[in-house]
Amino acid sequence: MSKTPDNTGESLTFWQHLEVLRWVLLRMIAAVVLLSVVAFCFRQWLFTIVMAPSKTDFITYTWLSALLHSGSEIPFSLHIINTDLAGQFVTHIKVSMLVGLIAAIPYLLFELFRFVSPALYESEKKITLRMVCLSYLLFALGVLLAYFIIFPFTVLFLGSYQVVDEVTNMINLDSYISTMGVLLLLMGLIFELPIVSWLLARFGLIKYQWLKKYRRHAIVAVLALAAVITPSGDAFTMLITALPLYIVFEISVLVVKHTEKQPS
């Protein structure tokens, strides 16, 4: 088993690596827990943000109304209820943990970078650090896109859809929060595709010509993924989701092409 020098210039054995990794994981867990507790303490502020897409004066609906030149608020109302005795408390914990995880991602990435950096050359450290920063920016962009675009349109469609006028929609709080959480995390992870493509291209596992050849298949895959991510099922919301996913794919193709041109 090869040894990797630490920051002091000394080599670490396999078991010492495991010990260092253990403390890295403990610090990462502690950061998520700490930020989750902080988020839990700011309940009013937290749920003002979480429940904003359920209100007609949300900024996305205001922009949509202006775009349609309707001059009035989007006509829909969402009634969110809780049916479980401990439902609101459990939801409070879930949302706090989700926010804690998202807020802790910069620190988590920093810890991972610090763990692997002793094994890298100086040039590799600079590239890796840039990729770490870029990966969080892409993740944040995906989360913001889901919060301001995809989830509001999902709420708008599903929350106002009625088979007959006699049936009124009363959305369960857990359903609302679960849908939001899944969309935010999925879009954040999907936006990491350029970083993953860069890594795979660096190791020679994917090629630009291969991606170019199967571009049509990728379009079908993007549409299928958009249909899975958006539970509404309507074509409009699915296309809104598919468009940024396809743009992310095309950016990944350009990243692979650029990576292949660079010397190893």
Protein backbone atom coordinates (compact mmCIF):
# COMPACT_ATOMS: atom_id res chain seq x y z
CA MET A 1 0.00 0.00 0.00
CA SER A 2 1.49 3.32 -1.04
CA LYS A 3 1.85 6.13 1.40
CA THR A 4 0.70 9.70 0.94
CA PRO A 5 2.47 12.62 2.60
CA ASP A 6 0.42 14.78 4.93
CA ASN A 7 0.72 18.56 5.33
CA THR A 8 3.81 18.15 7.53
CA GLY A 9 5.70 16.24 4.84
CA GLU A 10 5.44 12.91 6.67
CA SER A 11 3.99 9.78 5.11
CA LEU A 12 0.80 8.19 6.42
CA THR A 13 0.11 4.48 6.64
CA PHE A 14 -3.16 2.92 5.53
CA TRP A 15 -4.57 2.91 9.08
CA GLN A 16 -3.51 6.50 9.61
CA HIS A 17 -5.39 7.42 6.44
CA LEU A 18 -8.49 5.77 7.89
CA GLU A 19 -8.08 7.72 11.13
CA VAL A 20 -7.79 11.00 9.21
CA LEU A 21 -10.84 10.08 7.12
CA ARG A 22 -12.80 9.26 10.27
CA TRP A 23 -12.20 12.73 11.68
CA VAL A 24 -13.07 14.29 8.33
CA LEU A 25 -16.41 12.48 8.32
CA LEU A 26 -17.08 13.43 11.95
CA ARG A 27 -16.42 17.10 11.21
CA MET A 28 -18.69 16.95 8.16
CA ILE A 29 -21.52 15.36 10.16
CA ALA A 30 -21.01 17.89 12.96
CA ALA A 31 -21.24 20.77 10.47
CA VAL A 32 -24.52 19.46 9.03
CA VAL A 33 -25.99 18.90 12.51
CA LEU A 34 -24.90 22.35 13.74
CA LEU A 35 -26.36 24.17 10.74
CA SER A 36 -29.54 22.08 11.00
CA VAL A 37 -29.93 23.17 14.64
CA VAL A 38 -29.43 26.80 13.62
CA ALA A 39 -32.06 26.44 10.90
CA PHE A 40 -34.41 24.74 13.39
CA CYS A 41 -34.16 27.76 15.71
CA PHE A 42 -35.25 30.16 12.95
CA ARG A 43 -38.57 28.46 12.30
CA GLN A 44 -40.55 31.53 11.24
CA TRP A 45 -37.93 32.71 8.75
CA LEU A 46 -37.35 29.19 7.48
CA PHE A 47 -40.97 28.38 6.71
CA THR A 48 -41.64 31.81 5.26
CA ILE A 49 -39.19 30.84 2.51
CA VAL A 50 -40.42 27.25 2.23
CA MET A 51 -44.11 28.19 1.99
CA ALA A 52 -43.59 31.17 -0.33
CA PRO A 53 -44.24 29.17 -3.57
CA SER A 54 -47.69 28.25 -2.22
CA LYS A 55 -48.80 31.90 -2.22
CA THR A 56 -50.14 33.85 -5.18
CA ASP A 57 -47.82 36.81 -4.54
CA PHE A 58 -44.67 34.69 -4.98
CA ILE A 59 -42.19 36.42 -7.27
CA THR A 60 -42.41 33.71 -9.99
CA TYR A 61 -46.19 34.10 -10.26
CA THR A 62 -45.81 37.88 -10.32
CA TRP A 63 -43.36 37.61 -13.21
CA LEU A 64 -45.65 35.16 -15.01
CA SER A 65 -48.60 37.52 -14.60
CA ALA A 66 -46.52 40.39 -16.01
CA LEU A 67 -45.36 38.20 -18.89
CA LEU A 68 -48.95 37.30 -19.75
CA HIS A 69 -50.01 40.96 -19.36
CA SER A 70 -52.90 39.88 -17.18
CA GLY A 71 -52.45 42.76 -14.74
CA SER A 72 -53.62 40.63 -11.81
CA GLU A 73 -52.38 37.78 -9.64
CA ILE A 74 -52.34 34.24 -10.98
CA PRO A 75 -55.77 32.83 -10.03
CA PHE A 76 -54.99 29.86 -7.84
CA SER A 77 -55.13 29.06 -4.15
CA LEU A 78 -53.34 26.28 -2.32
CA HIS A 79 -54.75 24.91 0.94
CA ILE A 80 -52.06 23.03 2.85
CA ILE A 81 -53.14 20.88 5.78
CA ASN A 82 -51.56 18.57 8.33
CA THR A 83 -53.22 15.24 9.15
CA ASP A 84 -50.68 13.70 11.55
CA LEU A 85 -50.38 14.55 15.24
CA ALA A 86 -46.60 14.98 15.04
CA GLY A 87 -46.64 15.98 11.38
CA GLN A 88 -45.67 19.62 11.76
CA PHE A 89 -42.87 18.87 14.23
CA VAL A 90 -41.43 16.11 12.02
CA THR A 91 -41.68 18.40 9.00
CA HIS A 92 -39.84 21.10 10.95
CA ILE A 93 -36.99 18.65 11.60
CA LYS A 94 -36.91 17.46 7.97
CA VAL A 95 -36.74 20.97 6.54
CA SER A 96 -34.08 21.99 9.07
CA MET A 97 -31.93 18.99 8.11
CA LEU A 98 -32.37 19.73 4.39
CA VAL A 99 -31.36 23.36 4.86
CA GLY A 100 -28.47 22.33 7.09
CA LEU A 101 -27.20 19.91 4.44
CA ILE A 102 -27.43 22.46 1.62
CA ALA A 103 -25.81 25.19 3.72
CA ALA A 104 -22.99 22.86 4.79
CA ILE A 105 -22.02 21.79 1.27
CA PRO A 106 -19.23 24.42 0.88
CA TYR A 107 -17.61 23.16 4.09
CA LEU A 108 -18.12 19.51 3.10
CA LEU A 109 -16.40 20.11 -0.22
CA PHE A 110 -13.59 21.97 1.55
CA GLU A 111 -13.03 19.03 3.91
CA LEU A 112 -12.91 16.58 1.01
CA PHE A 113 -10.48 18.81 -0.84
CA ARG A 114 -8.26 19.14 2.22
CA PHE A 115 -8.27 15.36 2.64
CA VAL A 116 -7.10 14.60 -0.92
CA SER A 117 -4.91 17.67 -1.49
CA PRO A 118 -1.69 16.19 0.06
CA ALA A 119 -1.67 13.56 -2.71
CA LEU A 120 -1.92 16.18 -5.48
CA TYR A 121 0.70 18.19 -7.29
CA GLU A 122 0.52 21.99 -7.02
CA SER A 123 -0.99 22.34 -10.50
CA GLU A 124 -3.56 19.65 -9.67
CA LYS A 125 -4.43 21.40 -6.40
CA LYS A 126 -5.26 24.63 -8.24
CA ILE A 127 -7.47 22.83 -10.77
CA THR A 128 -9.19 20.76 -8.08
CA LEU A 129 -9.86 23.82 -5.92
CA ARG A 130 -11.46 25.58 -8.88
CA MET A 131 -13.59 22.53 -9.58
CA VAL A 132 -14.68 22.39 -5.91
CA CYS A 133 -15.80 26.03 -6.01
CA LEU A 134 -17.48 25.55 -9.39
CA SER A 135 -19.28 22.41 -8.22
CA TYR A 136 -20.95 24.30 -5.38
CA LEU A 137 -21.92 27.17 -7.67
CA LEU A 138 -23.52 24.67 -10.06
CA PHE A 139 -25.31 22.92 -7.21
CA ALA A 140 -26.63 26.25 -5.90
CA LEU A 141 -27.75 27.21 -9.42
CA GLY A 142 -29.70 23.96 -9.74
CA VAL A 143 -31.35 24.47 -6.34
CA LEU A 144 -32.33 28.06 -7.19
CA LEU A 145 -33.72 26.99 -10.56
CA ALA A 146 -35.84 24.33 -8.88
CA TYR A 147 -37.08 26.76 -6.20
CA PHE A 148 -37.95 29.68 -8.47
CA ILE A 149 -39.01 27.91 -11.68
CA ILE A 150 -39.67 24.18 -11.58
CA PHE A 151 -41.35 23.80 -8.19
CA PRO A 152 -43.63 26.88 -8.54
CA PHE A 153 -44.91 25.67 -11.92
CA THR A 154 -45.43 22.21 -10.44
CA VAL A 155 -47.40 23.75 -7.56
CA LEU A 156 -49.34 25.96 -9.96
CA PHE A 157 -50.41 23.04 -12.12
CA LEU A 158 -51.03 20.36 -9.51
CA GLY A 159 -52.41 22.72 -6.88
CA SER A 160 -55.05 24.16 -9.20
CA TYR A 161 -55.89 21.01 -11.18
CA GLN A 162 -59.40 19.67 -10.57
CA VAL A 163 -61.21 16.81 -12.28
CA VAL A 164 -64.53 18.36 -11.27
CA ASP A 165 -65.42 21.54 -9.38
CA GLU A 166 -66.91 19.56 -6.51
CA VAL A 167 -63.50 18.12 -5.55
CA THR A 168 -61.33 20.62 -3.66
CA ASN A 169 -57.58 20.23 -3.37
CA MET A 170 -56.26 20.07 0.20
CA ILE A 171 -52.54 19.38 -0.03
CA ASN A 172 -50.86 17.48 2.78
CA LEU A 173 -47.90 19.33 4.31
CA ASP A 174 -45.64 16.28 4.04
CA SER A 175 -46.46 15.92 0.32
CA TYR A 176 -45.62 19.58 -0.30
CA ILE A 177 -42.31 19.44 1.58
CA SER A 178 -41.27 16.08 0.11
CA THR A 179 -41.88 17.27 -3.45
CA MET A 180 -39.90 20.45 -2.85
CA GLY A 181 -36.99 18.61 -1.20
CA VAL A 182 -36.72 16.01 -3.97
CA LEU A 183 -36.79 18.64 -6.71
CA LEU A 184 -34.20 20.87 -5.03
CA LEU A 185 -31.74 18.04 -4.36
CA LEU A 186 -32.20 16.37 -7.75
CA MET A 187 -31.70 19.58 -9.70
CA GLY A 188 -28.68 20.46 -7.58
CA LEU A 189 -27.11 17.06 -8.27
CA ILE A 190 -27.98 17.10 -11.97
CA PHE A 191 -26.20 20.42 -12.37
CA GLU A 192 -23.02 18.65 -11.23
CA LEU A 193 -22.93 16.85 -14.60
CA PRO A 194 -20.25 19.17 -16.11
CA ILE A 195 -17.93 18.43 -13.17
CA VAL A 196 -18.57 14.69 -13.45
CA SER A 197 -17.98 14.87 -17.21
CA TRP A 198 -14.69 16.67 -16.64
CA LEU A 199 -13.53 13.97 -14.23
CA LEU A 200 -14.55 11.14 -16.56
CA ALA A 201 -12.87 12.86 -19.51
CA ARG A 202 -9.67 13.32 -17.50
CA PHE A 203 -9.60 9.57 -16.88
CA GLY A 204 -10.47 8.83 -20.52
CA LEU A 205 -13.79 7.15 -19.66
CA ILE A 206 -15.88 9.32 -22.01
CA LYS A 207 -15.04 10.88 -25.37
CA TYR A 208 -16.35 13.95 -27.17
CA GLN A 209 -17.05 12.00 -30.36
CA TRP A 210 -19.05 9.46 -28.40
CA LEU A 211 -21.23 12.19 -26.81
CA LYS A 212 -21.66 13.88 -30.17
CA LYS A 213 -22.69 10.61 -31.82
CA TYR A 214 -25.36 9.85 -29.21
CA ARG A 215 -26.72 13.42 -28.86
CA ARG A 216 -30.17 12.35 -30.11
CA HIS A 217 -30.30 9.60 -27.51
CA ALA A 218 -29.33 12.18 -24.88
CA ILE A 219 -32.30 14.36 -25.87
CA VAL A 220 -34.65 11.42 -25.29
CA ALA A 221 -32.95 10.68 -21.96
CA VAL A 222 -33.29 14.33 -20.91
CA LEU A 223 -37.01 14.34 -21.72
CA ALA A 224 -37.48 11.09 -19.81
CA LEU A 225 -35.58 12.47 -16.82
CA ALA A 226 -37.62 15.68 -16.92
CA ALA A 227 -40.82 13.62 -16.92
CA VAL A 228 -39.61 11.76 -13.82
CA ILE A 229 -38.51 14.89 -11.98
CA THR A 230 -41.71 16.84 -12.66
CA PRO A 231 -44.63 14.95 -11.12
CA SER A 232 -47.21 17.22 -12.77
CA GLY A 233 -47.00 15.37 -16.07
CA ASP A 234 -48.03 18.35 -18.21
CA ALA A 235 -45.93 19.13 -21.26
CA PHE A 236 -45.34 22.78 -20.34
CA THR A 237 -43.74 22.08 -16.96
CA MET A 238 -41.79 19.13 -18.39
CA LEU A 239 -40.30 21.31 -21.13
CA ILE A 240 -39.36 23.99 -18.58
CA THR A 241 -37.46 21.30 -16.70
CA ALA A 242 -35.99 19.67 -19.81
CA LEU A 243 -34.55 22.90 -21.24
CA PRO A 244 -32.00 23.59 -18.45
CA LEU A 245 -31.16 19.87 -18.30
CA TYR A 246 -30.34 19.84 -21.99
CA ILE A 247 -28.28 23.03 -21.63
CA VAL A 248 -26.33 21.33 -18.81
CA PHE A 249 -25.74 18.35 -21.12
CA GLU A 250 -24.44 20.58 -23.94
CA ILE A 251 -22.13 22.36 -21.49
CA SER A 252 -20.85 18.96 -20.40
CA VAL A 253 -20.15 18.06 -24.04
CA LEU A 254 -18.12 21.25 -24.46
CA VAL A 255 -16.27 20.52 -21.22
CA VAL A 256 -15.30 17.07 -22.49
CA LYS A 257 -14.18 18.53 -25.82
CA HIS A 258 -12.04 21.14 -24.09
CA THR A 259 -10.59 18.58 -21.68
CA GLU A 260 -9.50 16.29 -24.54
CA LYS A 261 -7.56 19.16 -26.14
CA GLN A 262 -5.59 19.81 -22.97
CA PRO A 263 -2.36 17.88 -22.36
CA SER A 264 -2.59 15.13 -19.73
